[in-house]
Amino acid sequence: MANMMDEFEALLNESFEMDTPEEGSVVKGKVIAIEAGQAIIDVGYKMEGRVELKEFADPGEAPKIEVGDEVEVFLRSGRKLPRRSGYLS
C-alpha cells in the first residue's frame, strides 16, 4: 500500500511541475468536436477551449475546419466558464 501511495505522490508532484500555458500565449491544439457554431479544441494541459467557426473562414466562405485538424490558437480569458475550459482565438 505504501508503494502505491509513493507512486501517487510522485505523479501528483509531476503534475504540478507541468509547464502550463499562460493567457496570451499561442499553443497547438486538435479539433475534437464541432458544435453550436464552435470548434472544440483540445490544447492538452487538461483543458479545452472553444473557437467560433468564423475564425476558420475567409470572408464570404464556409469554415475550413474538421474534427482531427491540428490548429494553433491564442489563449485568452473570457466569461467565467466551467473548470478546464476557456476561450481561444
Protein backbone atom coordinates (compact mmCIF):
# COMPACT_ATOMS: atom_id res chain seq x y z
CA MET A 1 0.00 0.00 0.00
CA ALA A 2 2.84 2.40 0.84
CA ASN A 3 4.37 1.83 -2.60
CA MET A 4 1.09 2.82 -4.28
CA MET A 5 0.93 6.00 -2.17
CA ASP A 6 4.52 6.83 -3.13
CA GLU A 7 3.66 6.39 -6.81
CA PHE A 8 0.57 8.57 -6.43
CA GLU A 9 2.59 11.26 -4.68
CA ALA A 10 5.21 11.19 -7.44
CA LEU A 11 2.53 11.54 -10.14
CA LEU A 12 0.86 14.36 -8.25
CA ASN A 13 4.14 16.24 -7.85
CA GLU A 14 4.89 15.72 -11.55
CA SER A 15 1.52 17.24 -12.49
CA PHE A 16 2.37 20.40 -10.52
CA GLU A 17 5.61 20.74 -12.46
CA MET A 18 3.91 20.67 -15.88
CA ASP A 19 4.54 23.82 -17.86
CA THR A 20 1.01 25.12 -18.38
CA PRO A 21 0.44 27.85 -20.93
CA GLU A 22 -0.42 31.35 -19.82
CA GLU A 23 -3.12 33.67 -21.11
CA GLY A 24 -1.84 35.42 -24.21
CA SER A 25 0.27 32.52 -25.46
CA VAL A 26 -0.14 30.61 -28.72
CA VAL A 27 -0.42 26.83 -28.45
CA LYS A 28 -1.15 23.93 -30.79
CA GLY A 29 -4.37 22.03 -30.34
CA LYS A 30 -6.56 19.44 -32.01
CA VAL A 31 -10.18 19.87 -33.05
CA ILE A 32 -12.14 17.25 -31.11
CA ALA A 33 -15.68 18.37 -31.99
CA ILE A 34 -17.68 20.95 -33.89
CA GLU A 35 -20.97 22.02 -32.33
CA ALA A 36 -23.20 25.06 -31.99
CA GLY A 37 -21.10 27.12 -34.39
CA GLN A 38 -17.88 26.50 -32.48
CA ALA A 39 -14.85 24.23 -32.78
CA ILE A 40 -13.92 22.49 -29.53
CA ILE A 41 -10.13 22.44 -29.31
CA ASP A 42 -8.10 20.17 -27.03
CA VAL A 43 -4.91 22.06 -26.19
CA GLY A 44 -3.64 19.49 -23.71
CA TYR A 45 -2.79 20.59 -20.21
CA LYS A 46 -6.15 19.10 -19.13
CA MET A 47 -8.14 21.86 -20.78
CA GLU A 48 -10.27 22.52 -23.82
CA GLY A 49 -11.40 25.70 -25.45
CA ARG A 50 -13.88 26.95 -27.99
CA VAL A 51 -13.32 28.94 -31.17
CA GLU A 52 -16.08 30.46 -33.28
CA LEU A 53 -16.15 28.72 -36.69
CA LYS A 54 -16.00 32.09 -38.46
CA GLU A 55 -12.37 32.32 -37.27
CA PHE A 56 -11.57 29.48 -39.71
CA ALA A 57 -13.30 31.04 -42.74
CA ASP A 58 -12.33 33.60 -45.33
CA PRO A 59 -14.92 36.37 -45.77
CA GLY A 60 -18.00 35.01 -47.56
CA GLU A 61 -16.80 31.41 -47.44
CA ALA A 62 -17.58 28.37 -45.31
CA PRO A 63 -15.22 27.49 -42.45
CA LYS A 64 -12.28 25.30 -43.39
CA ILE A 65 -12.01 23.14 -40.29
CA GLU A 66 -12.73 19.47 -39.50
CA VAL A 67 -12.55 17.21 -36.48
CA GLY A 68 -8.98 15.94 -36.23
CA ASP A 69 -7.37 19.09 -37.66
CA GLU A 70 -4.42 20.50 -35.76
CA VAL A 71 -4.54 24.26 -35.28
CA GLU A 72 -2.65 27.00 -33.47
CA VAL A 73 -4.76 29.03 -31.08
CA PHE A 74 -4.29 32.12 -28.94
CA LEU A 75 -5.25 31.60 -25.30
CA ARG A 76 -7.42 34.34 -23.89
CA SER A 77 -9.78 34.65 -20.99
CA GLY A 78 -13.47 35.14 -21.40
CA ARG A 79 -16.60 34.84 -19.37
CA LYS A 80 -16.39 32.70 -16.28
CA LEU A 81 -16.50 29.14 -17.55
CA PRO A 82 -16.54 25.66 -16.03
CA ARG A 83 -13.17 24.36 -14.91
CA ARG A 84 -10.83 23.14 -17.63
CA SER A 85 -12.41 25.08 -20.47
CA GLY A 86 -11.84 28.51 -21.89
CA TYR A 87 -11.98 30.74 -24.89
CA LEU A 88 -9.43 30.59 -27.65
CA SER A 89 -8.99 32.64 -30.77
